[in-house]
Protein backbone atom coordinates (compact mmCIF):
# COMPACT_ATOMS: atom_id res chain seq x y z
CA UNK A 1 0.10 0.06 0.17
CA UNK A 2 1.24 3.63 -0.94
CA UNK A 3 2.25 6.37 1.24
CA UNK A 4 -0.84 8.28 -0.41
CA UNK A 5 -3.60 5.41 0.14
CA UNK A 6 -2.22 4.97 3.34
CA UNK A 7 -3.03 8.95 3.38
CA UNK A 8 -6.19 8.88 2.42
CA UNK A 9 -7.25 5.78 4.45
CA UNK A 10 -6.62 7.77 7.90
CA UNK A 11 -8.74 11.25 6.27
CA UNK A 12 -11.50 9.02 5.57
CA UNK A 13 -10.99 6.90 8.82
CA UNK A 14 -10.95 10.72 10.55
CA UNK A 15 -13.86 11.93 8.78
CA UNK A 16 -16.11 9.41 9.06
CA UNK A 17 -15.14 9.10 13.50
CA UNK A 18 -15.88 12.49 13.70
CA UNK A 19 -19.74 12.13 14.01
CA UNK A 20 -19.31 9.42 16.92
CA UNK A 21 -16.62 11.71 18.49
CA UNK A 22 -19.34 14.57 19.10
CA UNK A 23 -21.62 12.79 19.84
CA UNK A 24 -20.25 10.71 22.51
CA UNK A 25 -18.53 13.71 24.32
CA UNK A 26 -20.19 14.75 27.84
CA UNK A 27 -21.41 11.43 27.98
CA UNK A 28 -21.46 8.95 30.62
CA UNK A 29 -20.28 4.99 29.69
CA UNK A 30 -19.78 2.49 32.04
CA UNK A 31 -16.72 0.03 30.79
CA UNK A 32 -16.55 -3.38 32.36
CA UNK A 33 -13.91 -6.11 31.92
CA UNK A 34 -13.23 -9.63 33.66
CA UNK A 35 -9.85 -10.08 35.55
CA UNK A 36 -8.71 -11.90 32.38
CA UNK A 37 -7.64 -8.46 30.88
CA UNK A 38 -5.01 -7.73 33.33
CA UNK A 39 -2.95 -9.88 30.80
CA UNK A 40 0.13 -8.80 28.14
CA UNK A 41 -2.43 -6.32 26.46
CA UNK A 42 -3.33 -4.63 29.24
CA UNK A 43 -1.29 -1.81 28.61
CA UNK A 44 -3.62 -1.33 24.94
CA UNK A 45 -6.61 -1.27 26.59
CA UNK A 46 -5.41 1.33 29.27
CA UNK A 47 -4.55 2.90 26.36
CA UNK A 48 -7.63 3.27 24.91
CA UNK A 49 -9.47 3.77 28.07
CA UNK A 50 -7.67 7.15 28.45
CA UNK A 51 -7.80 7.99 24.73
CA UNK A 52 -12.01 8.10 25.33
CA UNK A 53 -11.16 9.97 28.49
CA UNK A 54 -9.15 12.31 26.95
CA UNK A 55 -12.12 12.89 24.00
CA UNK A 56 -14.24 14.10 26.87
CA UNK A 57 -16.20 11.45 28.02
CA UNK A 58 -17.21 10.64 31.46
CA UNK A 59 -16.16 7.01 31.69
CA UNK A 60 -17.00 4.59 34.53
CA UNK A 61 -14.04 1.47 34.94
CA UNK A 62 -15.78 -2.02 36.31
CA UNK A 63 -13.05 -4.88 36.70
CA UNK A 64 -13.40 -8.23 38.23
CA UNK A 65 -10.96 -10.13 39.62
CA UNK A 66 -12.20 -14.55 39.29
CA UNK A 67 -9.10 -15.34 37.93
CA UNK A 68 -6.84 -13.66 40.49
CA UNK A 69 -9.05 -15.10 43.61
CA UNK A 70 -8.48 -18.65 42.04
CA UNK A 71 -4.98 -18.33 41.18
CA UNK A 72 -4.31 -17.31 44.75
CA UNK A 73 -6.96 -20.10 46.14
CA UNK A 74 -4.69 -22.71 43.92
CA UNK A 75 -1.21 -21.00 44.92
CA UNK A 76 -2.78 -22.36 48.75
CA UNK A 77 -3.90 -25.95 47.67
CA UNK A 78 -7.21 -24.66 48.68
CA UNK A 79 -9.91 -25.30 45.61
CA UNK A 80 -12.05 -22.62 44.15
CA UNK A 81 -15.32 -23.46 45.28
CA UNK A 82 -18.71 -22.45 42.79
CA UNK A 83 -22.72 -22.92 42.42
CA UNK A 84 -24.65 -21.74 40.09
CA UNK A 85 -21.62 -19.75 38.53
CA UNK A 86 -20.99 -17.76 41.59
CA UNK A 87 -18.08 -18.21 44.16
CA UNK A 88 -18.85 -19.28 47.05
CA UNK A 89 -16.48 -17.18 49.27
CA UNK A 90 -15.30 -18.37 52.30
CA UNK A 91 -12.90 -16.36 54.79
CA UNK A 92 -9.79 -16.99 53.13
CA UNK A 93 -11.29 -16.09 49.90
CA UNK A 94 -12.69 -12.98 50.73
CA UNK A 95 -8.85 -11.68 51.85
CA UNK A 96 -7.94 -13.20 48.83
CA UNK A 97 -11.03 -11.19 46.66
CA UNK A 98 -9.28 -8.11 48.82
CA UNK A 99 -5.91 -8.61 48.18
CA UNK A 100 -6.98 -9.05 44.66
CA UNK A 101 -9.01 -6.27 44.49
CA UNK A 102 -6.52 -3.96 45.72
CA UNK A 103 -3.34 -5.10 43.96
CA UNK A 104 -5.40 -4.56 40.34
CA UNK A 105 -7.15 -0.57 41.71
CA UNK A 106 -3.58 0.22 42.17
CA UNK A 107 -2.38 -1.29 38.86
CA UNK A 108 -4.59 -0.26 36.65
CA UNK A 109 -4.62 3.81 38.69
CA UNK A 110 -0.58 3.70 37.94
CA UNK A 111 -0.80 2.88 34.42
CA UNK A 112 -3.66 5.30 34.22
CA UNK A 113 -2.14 8.00 35.84
CA UNK A 114 1.12 8.06 34.00
CA UNK A 115 -0.76 8.53 30.60
CA UNK A 116 1.11 5.30 29.22
CA UNK A 117 4.75 6.16 28.81
CA UNK A 118 6.10 5.42 24.94
CA UNK A 119 2.65 6.51 23.53
CA UNK A 120 0.62 8.87 22.42
CA UNK A 121 -0.72 9.53 25.63
CA UNK A 122 2.39 10.18 27.22
CA UNK A 123 2.21 13.10 29.78
CA UNK A 124 -1.55 13.09 29.48
CA UNK A 125 -2.62 14.13 33.04
CA UNK A 126 -5.63 11.96 33.90
CA UNK A 127 -7.10 11.30 37.23
CA UNK A 128 -8.91 8.69 38.43
CA UNK A 129 -10.82 7.65 41.56
CA UNK A 130 -12.03 5.28 43.80
CA UNK A 131 -14.16 5.04 47.11
CA UNK A 132 -16.81 2.82 48.64
CA UNK A 133 -19.49 3.51 46.30
CA UNK A 134 -21.63 -0.13 46.40
CA UNK A 135 -23.94 -0.96 49.69
CA UNK A 136 -24.19 -4.68 49.33
CA UNK A 137 -25.75 -7.02 51.71
CA UNK A 138 -24.66 -11.19 51.75
CA UNK A 139 -26.45 -13.28 48.83
CA UNK A 140 -27.22 -15.71 51.90
CA UNK A 141 -28.23 -19.42 51.81
CA UNK A 142 -29.85 -20.82 48.58
CA UNK A 143 -30.77 -23.97 47.72
CA UNK A 144 -29.27 -25.30 51.64
CA UNK A 145 -26.03 -23.62 49.84
CA UNK A 146 -24.16 -20.87 51.98
CA UNK A 147 -22.67 -18.26 49.93
CA UNK A 148 -20.74 -17.17 52.67
CA UNK A 149 -19.59 -13.72 52.11
CA UNK A 150 -20.68 -13.39 48.58
CA UNK A 151 -23.44 -10.37 48.19
CA UNK A 152 -25.53 -9.34 45.88
CA UNK A 153 -25.26 -5.03 45.26
CA UNK A 154 -27.88 -3.20 47.78
CA UNK A 155 -27.74 0.21 46.36
CA UNK A 156 -25.04 2.11 44.37
CA UNK A 157 -24.06 6.06 46.13
CA UNK A 158 -24.18 7.53 42.28
CA UNK A 159 -24.26 10.50 43.77
CA UNK A 160 -21.27 10.11 44.95
CA UNK A 161 -19.97 9.05 41.36
CA UNK A 162 -21.50 11.57 39.75
CA UNK A 163 -19.80 14.19 41.82
CA UNK A 164 -16.41 12.61 40.86
CA UNK A 165 -17.29 12.38 36.90
CA UNK A 166 -18.52 16.61 37.53
CA UNK A 167 -14.37 16.82 38.67
CA UNK A 168 -12.70 15.63 35.69
CA UNK A 169 -11.75 11.78 37.23
CA UNK A 170 -12.51 8.49 35.63
CA UNK A 171 -14.05 6.73 37.95
CA UNK A 172 -12.41 3.30 39.11
CA UNK A 173 -14.57 0.43 41.17
CA UNK A 174 -14.23 -2.92 41.87
CA UNK A 175 -16.41 -5.39 42.95
CA UNK A 176 -15.93 -5.33 46.53
CA UNK A 177 -19.51 -4.17 48.55
CA UNK A 178 -19.65 -2.69 52.06
CA UNK A 179 -22.83 -3.30 54.61
CA UNK A 180 -23.42 -0.42 56.47
CA UNK A 181 -21.80 -2.47 59.69
CA UNK A 182 -18.59 -2.32 58.18
CA UNK A 183 -18.84 -6.14 56.60
CA UNK A 184 -17.06 -6.40 53.23
CA UNK A 185 -19.00 -8.85 50.17
CA UNK A 186 -17.16 -10.33 47.18
CA UNK A 187 -19.58 -9.34 44.13
CA UNK A 188 -20.48 -9.87 41.06
CA UNK A 189 -18.27 -7.52 38.43
CA UNK A 190 -21.01 -7.37 36.29
CA UNK A 191 -24.03 -7.12 38.08
CA UNK A 192 -21.32 -4.74 40.04
CA UNK A 193 -21.04 -2.57 36.31
CA UNK A 194 -24.96 -2.71 35.47
CA UNK A 195 -26.09 -1.53 38.39
CA UNK A 196 -23.84 1.50 38.46
CA UNK A 197 -25.02 1.74 34.22
CA UNK A 198 -28.66 2.08 35.50
CA UNK A 199 -28.42 4.22 38.75
CA UNK A 200 -26.76 6.17 36.33
CA UNK A 201 -28.76 6.24 33.88
CA UNK A 202 -25.15 6.40 31.34
CA UNK A 203 -25.71 6.29 28.13
CA UNK A 204 -23.72 3.14 27.36
CA UNK A 205 -22.68 -0.31 29.00
CA UNK A 206 -19.69 -1.96 27.75
CA UNK A 207 -19.04 -5.13 28.87
CA UNK A 208 -15.65 -6.36 26.88
CA UNK A 209 -15.93 -10.30 26.40
CA UNK A 210 -13.22 -13.16 26.23
CA UNK A 211 -14.95 -13.95 23.38
CA UNK A 212 -17.43 -13.06 20.70
CA UNK A 213 -21.03 -13.30 20.97
CA UNK A 214 -22.56 -15.62 18.34
CA UNK A 215 -26.02 -16.92 16.60
CA UNK A 216 -25.97 -20.66 17.94
CA UNK A 217 -27.50 -21.52 14.45
CA UNK A 218 -24.47 -19.98 12.24
CA UNK A 219 -21.91 -19.25 14.53
CA UNK A 220 -21.79 -16.10 12.66
CA UNK A 221 -21.20 -12.84 14.98
CA UNK A 222 -24.03 -10.79 16.29
CA UNK A 223 -24.33 -7.14 15.23
CA UNK A 224 -27.08 -6.29 16.70
CA UNK A 225 -30.76 -7.36 18.04
CA UNK A 226 -33.44 -5.37 20.39
CA UNK A 227 -34.11 -5.91 23.83
CA UNK A 228 -36.59 -8.47 22.75
CA UNK A 229 -34.63 -10.60 20.42
CA UNK A 230 -32.01 -10.98 23.22
CA UNK A 231 -34.60 -12.51 25.63
CA UNK A 232 -35.66 -15.09 22.54
CA UNK A 233 -32.31 -15.89 22.27
CA UNK A 234 -31.92 -16.72 25.59
CA UNK A 235 -35.07 -18.61 25.36
CA UNK A 236 -35.08 -20.46 22.37
CA UNK A 237 -31.09 -21.53 23.48
CA UNK A 238 -30.79 -22.32 27.09
CA UNK A 239 -27.81 -24.60 26.04
CA UNK A 240 -25.59 -21.13 24.88
CA UNK A 241 -21.83 -20.27 26.81
CA UNK A 242 -22.33 -18.97 30.05
CA UNK A 243 -20.72 -16.29 29.63
CA UNK A 244 -22.76 -15.22 27.12
CA UNK A 245 -25.68 -16.24 28.85
CA UNK A 246 -24.28 -13.76 31.75
CA UNK A 247 -23.92 -10.39 29.47
CA UNK A 248 -27.14 -10.66 27.48
CA UNK A 249 -28.91 -10.38 30.69
CA UNK A 250 -27.01 -7.93 31.99
CA UNK A 251 -27.89 -6.41 28.71
CA UNK A 252 -31.57 -6.83 28.82
CA UNK A 253 -31.76 -5.74 32.70
CA UNK A 254 -30.06 -2.59 31.75
CA UNK A 255 -32.23 -1.57 28.34
CA UNK A 256 -35.53 -2.27 30.69
CA UNK A 257 -34.11 -0.16 32.96
CA UNK A 258 -33.23 3.39 31.28
CA UNK A 259 -29.96 2.46 29.28
CA UNK A 260 -30.31 2.49 25.97
CA UNK A 261 -27.38 1.08 24.57
CA UNK A 262 -25.00 -1.93 25.47
CA UNK A 263 -22.20 -3.06 23.54
CA UNK A 264 -20.78 -6.52 24.15
CA UNK A 265 -17.17 -6.31 22.89
CA UNK A 266 -14.72 -8.95 22.61
CA UNK A 267 -11.73 -7.56 24.15
CA UNK A 268 -9.07 -10.01 22.43
CA UNK A 269 -9.03 -7.88 19.23
CA UNK A 270 -6.86 -5.20 19.29
CA UNK A 271 -8.43 -1.70 19.67
CA UNK A 272 -12.09 -3.35 19.40
CA UNK A 273 -13.40 -0.53 22.07
CA UNK A 274 -12.27 2.34 19.84
CA UNK A 275 -13.86 0.18 16.41
CA UNK A 276 -16.37 -0.14 18.08
CA UNK A 277 -17.39 3.12 19.29
CA UNK A 278 -16.01 5.17 16.50
CA UNK A 279 -16.64 3.29 13.42
CA UNK A 280 -20.33 2.42 11.34
CA UNK A 281 -20.43 -0.88 12.08
CA UNK A 282 -19.02 -1.33 15.23
CA UNK A 283 -17.36 -4.75 15.90
CA UNK A 284 -18.60 -6.45 18.31
CA UNK A 285 -22.97 -7.07 19.75
CA UNK A 286 -25.50 -3.84 20.13
CA UNK A 287 -28.02 -4.72 22.70
CA UNK A 288 -30.89 -1.77 22.40
CA UNK A 289 -34.35 -1.01 23.90
CA UNK A 290 -35.64 0.65 20.54
CA UNK A 291 -33.83 -0.77 16.93
CA UNK A 292 -31.13 -0.41 15.62
CA UNK A 293 -32.07 0.86 12.54
CA UNK A 294 -35.35 2.58 12.04
CA UNK A 295 -37.25 4.24 9.40
CA UNK A 296 -39.16 7.25 10.67
CA UNK A 297 -40.88 10.82 9.93
CA UNK A 298 -38.04 13.48 10.25
CA UNK A 299 -37.11 15.94 12.58
CA UNK A 300 -35.78 19.48 12.68
CA UNK A 301 -32.76 17.82 14.56
CA UNK A 302 -32.01 15.72 11.48
CA UNK A 303 -31.84 18.40 8.64
CA UNK A 304 -27.42 18.36 9.51
CA UNK A 305 -27.50 14.89 8.91
CA UNK A 306 -29.91 15.07 6.02
CA UNK A 307 -27.77 17.84 4.20
CA UNK A 308 -24.42 16.30 4.60
CA UNK A 309 -25.98 12.99 3.21
CA UNK A 310 -27.12 14.38 0.00
CA UNK A 311 -24.55 17.00 -0.59
CA UNK A 312 -22.39 14.53 -2.56
CA UNK A 313 -25.18 13.90 -4.77
CA UNK A 314 -26.02 17.32 -4.93
CA UNK A 315 -21.98 17.92 -5.89
CA UNK A 316 -22.45 15.11 -8.58
CA UNK A 317 -26.14 16.42 -10.17
CA UNK A 318 -28.22 13.59 -9.20
CA UNK A 319 -30.64 15.14 -6.86
CA UNK A 320 -31.37 19.35 -7.06
CA UNK A 321 -29.48 21.45 -4.37
CA UNK A 322 -31.70 21.82 -1.46
CA UNK A 323 -31.01 24.95 1.00
CA UNK A 324 -31.41 24.09 4.74
CA UNK A 325 -34.42 26.83 4.74
CA UNK A 326 -36.38 24.81 2.13
CA UNK A 327 -35.71 21.87 3.96
CA UNK A 328 -36.88 23.05 7.19
CA UNK A 329 -40.39 24.16 5.72
CA UNK A 330 -40.97 21.00 4.41
CA UNK A 331 -39.66 18.58 7.02
CA UNK A 332 -42.68 17.20 7.85
CA UNK A 333 -42.73 15.41 4.36
CA UNK A 334 -39.19 13.91 5.36
CA UNK A 335 -38.64 10.01 5.82
CA UNK A 336 -35.03 9.25 7.13
CA UNK A 337 -33.48 6.05 8.06
CA UNK A 338 -31.13 6.46 11.19
CA UNK A 339 -28.82 3.89 11.84
CA UNK A 340 -27.41 4.71 15.92
CA UNK A 341 -27.85 8.00 15.49
CA UNK A 342 -26.60 8.53 12.11
CA UNK A 343 -29.09 9.65 9.18
CA UNK A 344 -27.81 7.25 6.53
CA UNK A 345 -31.77 7.39 3.72
CA UNK A 346 -33.73 10.22 2.88
CA UNK A 347 -36.73 10.53 0.60
CA UNK A 348 -39.67 12.91 0.97
CA UNK A 349 -43.60 12.97 -0.08
CA UNK A 350 -44.16 16.07 -1.64
CA UNK A 351 -47.84 16.29 -1.72
CA UNK A 352 -49.17 19.02 -4.67
CA UNK A 353 -51.78 21.14 -4.73
CA UNK A 354 -54.20 18.98 -7.15
CA UNK A 355 -56.10 16.66 -5.65
CA UNK A 356 -54.92 12.91 -5.23
CA UNK A 357 -51.23 13.22 -6.62
CA UNK A 358 -47.54 13.74 -4.71
CA UNK A 359 -43.88 14.14 -6.07
CA UNK A 360 -41.14 11.50 -4.93
CA UNK A 361 -38.07 13.22 -4.24
CA UNK A 362 -34.73 13.48 -2.58
CA UNK A 363 -34.72 9.52 -2.20
CA UNK A 364 -30.62 8.95 -1.36
CA UNK A 365 -29.29 5.98 0.85
CA UNK A 366 -25.21 6.43 2.08
CA UNK A 367 -22.78 4.82 -0.48
CA UNK A 368 -21.57 2.40 2.19
CA UNK A 369 -25.35 0.97 3.05
CA UNK A 370 -26.63 0.73 -0.89
CA UNK A 371 -26.45 -3.71 -1.02
CA UNK A 372 -29.17 -3.51 2.18
CA UNK A 373 -32.71 -3.29 0.03
CA UNK A 374 -32.77 0.48 2.21
CA UNK A 375 -33.51 1.79 -1.26
CA UNK A 376 -36.86 -0.40 -1.19
CA UNK A 377 -37.36 0.10 1.99
CA UNK A 378 -37.59 3.95 2.03
CA UNK A 379 -39.55 3.16 -1.40
CA UNK A 380 -42.17 0.86 0.45
CA UNK A 381 -42.58 3.07 3.29
CA UNK A 382 -43.27 6.20 1.03
CA UNK A 383 -45.77 4.06 -1.27
CA UNK A 384 -47.65 2.91 1.94
CA UNK A 385 -47.82 6.83 3.24
CA UNK A 386 -49.10 7.44 -0.29
CA UNK A 387 -51.33 4.89 -0.13
CA UNK A 388 -52.90 6.27 3.16
CA UNK A 389 -53.44 9.35 2.12
CA UNK A 390 -55.38 8.22 -0.72
CA UNK A 391 -52.94 9.24 -3.43
CA UNK A 392 -53.88 7.69 -6.86
CA UNK A 393 -50.91 9.09 -8.92
CA UNK A 394 -47.53 9.25 -7.84
CA UNK A 395 -44.80 11.26 -9.82
CA UNK A 396 -40.71 11.27 -9.89
CA UNK A 397 -38.04 13.70 -11.78
CA UNK A 398 -35.13 12.24 -12.09
CA UNK A 399 -32.23 12.75 -14.09
CA UNK A 400 -29.81 9.38 -13.65
CA UNK A 401 -31.51 6.64 -12.17
CA UNK A 402 -34.42 6.75 -14.26
CA UNK A 403 -33.87 3.19 -14.54
CA UNK A 404 -34.12 2.65 -10.87
CA UNK A 405 -37.74 3.63 -10.59
CA UNK A 406 -38.91 1.67 -14.08
CA UNK A 407 -37.74 -1.43 -12.59
CA UNK A 408 -39.94 -0.86 -9.19
CA UNK A 409 -43.41 -0.21 -11.48
CA UNK A 410 -42.68 3.36 -12.46
CA UNK A 411 -43.34 4.25 -16.43
CA UNK A 412 -42.83 7.04 -18.64
CA UNK A 413 -44.33 10.39 -19.52
CA UNK A 414 -43.63 13.95 -20.16
CA UNK A 415 -43.53 17.13 -19.23
CA UNK A 416 -46.54 18.19 -20.66
CA UNK A 417 -48.28 15.35 -18.37
CA UNK A 418 -47.24 16.64 -15.12
CA UNK A 419 -49.41 18.45 -12.24
CA UNK A 420 -49.11 21.97 -12.97
CA UNK A 421 -47.36 22.82 -9.59
CA UNK A 422 -44.39 20.45 -10.73
CA UNK A 423 -44.84 22.34 -14.68
CA UNK A 424 -43.85 25.37 -13.29
CA UNK A 425 -41.10 24.45 -11.21
CA UNK A 426 -39.55 22.12 -13.99
CA UNK A 427 -35.94 22.79 -14.63
CA UNK A 428 -35.25 22.54 -18.09
CA UNK A 429 -31.43 22.57 -17.74
CA UNK A 430 -31.69 19.61 -16.28
CA UNK A 431 -33.87 18.23 -18.20
CA UNK A 432 -34.88 15.36 -16.15
CA UNK A 433 -37.24 12.00 -17.02
CA UNK A 434 -40.54 12.44 -15.92
CA UNK A 435 -42.07 9.11 -14.02
CA UNK A 436 -45.47 8.24 -13.03
CA UNK A 437 -46.98 5.28 -10.87
CA UNK A 438 -50.61 4.85 -10.58
CA UNK A 439 -51.53 3.41 -7.07
CA UNK A 440 -54.60 1.41 -6.59
CA UNK A 441 -57.39 2.05 -4.05
CA UNK A 442 -56.85 1.32 -0.22
C-alpha cells in the first residue's frame, strides 16, 4: 500500500469517526472487563480507555477479580468453589478477593496516571478516583448452600460517582461491596457495572468479553439485536455459553431500566473498544431497547444529517440542491433511515395542490449502505404513506436513476403530463425524465 493511499485511508477514517467523537462527548459510559484482561494486552486497553477520557467521555471502569482469586487459592492448595456460577466466598476467599481487588486497582491507577509512557498518551494528566460506592448485602443461603461472604448489590452511591465525574475523574470501581455494619462482600463485577449504569442512567454500558457473541445456528457474530430479541435468544437456546448468557442478561436488565445501548465487545481484538465506538458498523454486538436502525418521519434535528447525506449527490447532479431553509419548511414531508444516531437514508413525499397527486423527491442512501435493500424500504414506506393519504398518482423527476424506478413499476411520461405545480418549477436545464406510478385504491 502506498503512502498516499495510507494518508487517504486515515483521512477517510477520521472523517467517518468525527460524528461519533461529537456524539460521545460529555456522555457517561460504564466499561466492564473481567480479571482475565489483566494480561500482556492491558497496556493497549488502558491506552484506549485514556483516549476515551481525553475525547471528553465521562468514564466509569469496573474490573473483575475472578481469575486472580482462583490463582491465590490454588497456590495455597485450596480448590475454588462455585455454585450456579457464583463463588462461595469463605473467609480465605474473601481475603484473597480483597488482596486481588487492591492489586488490580493500584495497577490500573498507576497505568492511567502515567498516561502510558512511550505512547501517544504520554504525559496526559488523567485523574483516577476510587471509593466505597457500592452498598451490599449477603446473598445468604440458597437451596441449602451458604454463599458466605458472596453478596449482591443493595445500593449504588451514584451521587458520589457523579460528583467525581463532574470533577473530571475516571471513576474506578472494584467488585467489592460494604454493609452499613462494616462487612465486606465479594460481588459479581458484571452486576456492579450493570447497577452503576442503571443508577447513573449511563448512555452506554460496554461489556468487554473474552469471546464474540455468536448466533448459535450459524456461528456468525451478532451485530445487533433488540432487548426482546435477546430475551428470545436466551429462551430458545438455553445451551448458550454461560459467559454469553450473563452478558446478554446484563444487557437486557440495563435496557429495561433506562440504559439505551449495551455493547458486547470481544476484548481479545486489539483496539476493539475504539472500533466499536468510532466506526459505522462497530465490531461487537449492540443490544438496544429500540431498533438499532429504523425508518421514521424526519424531525428538525435531522436536517444536518440530511444535508450531509445529500450533498455529494447534489454535487454530482443526481439531486437538485436544497437549502437548509427549504428543508426546514418541508421537513414534515421527509422520511429518514436512522442507524444508531446517523442519517443513512432519506426521501420525501410532497403532496401537490392537485387533488390525489404527489411527488417523490430526494431519495438517497449513503454509499456504504446501498446493498441491503434500504432504497426499496424507503420507497415502500412512501408508497404506504401515499396509499394512506389516498394518493392516486405519484410522480418522480430523475436525471440518473430512471431505470431504478422503472424496475419498480414506474412508467415513462413527459413534461405535459406533470401536474401544474410541478410543471411551473420544472428545470429545463436539468432535462429530468418524468415518471409516474398509479396506485390502487386502499
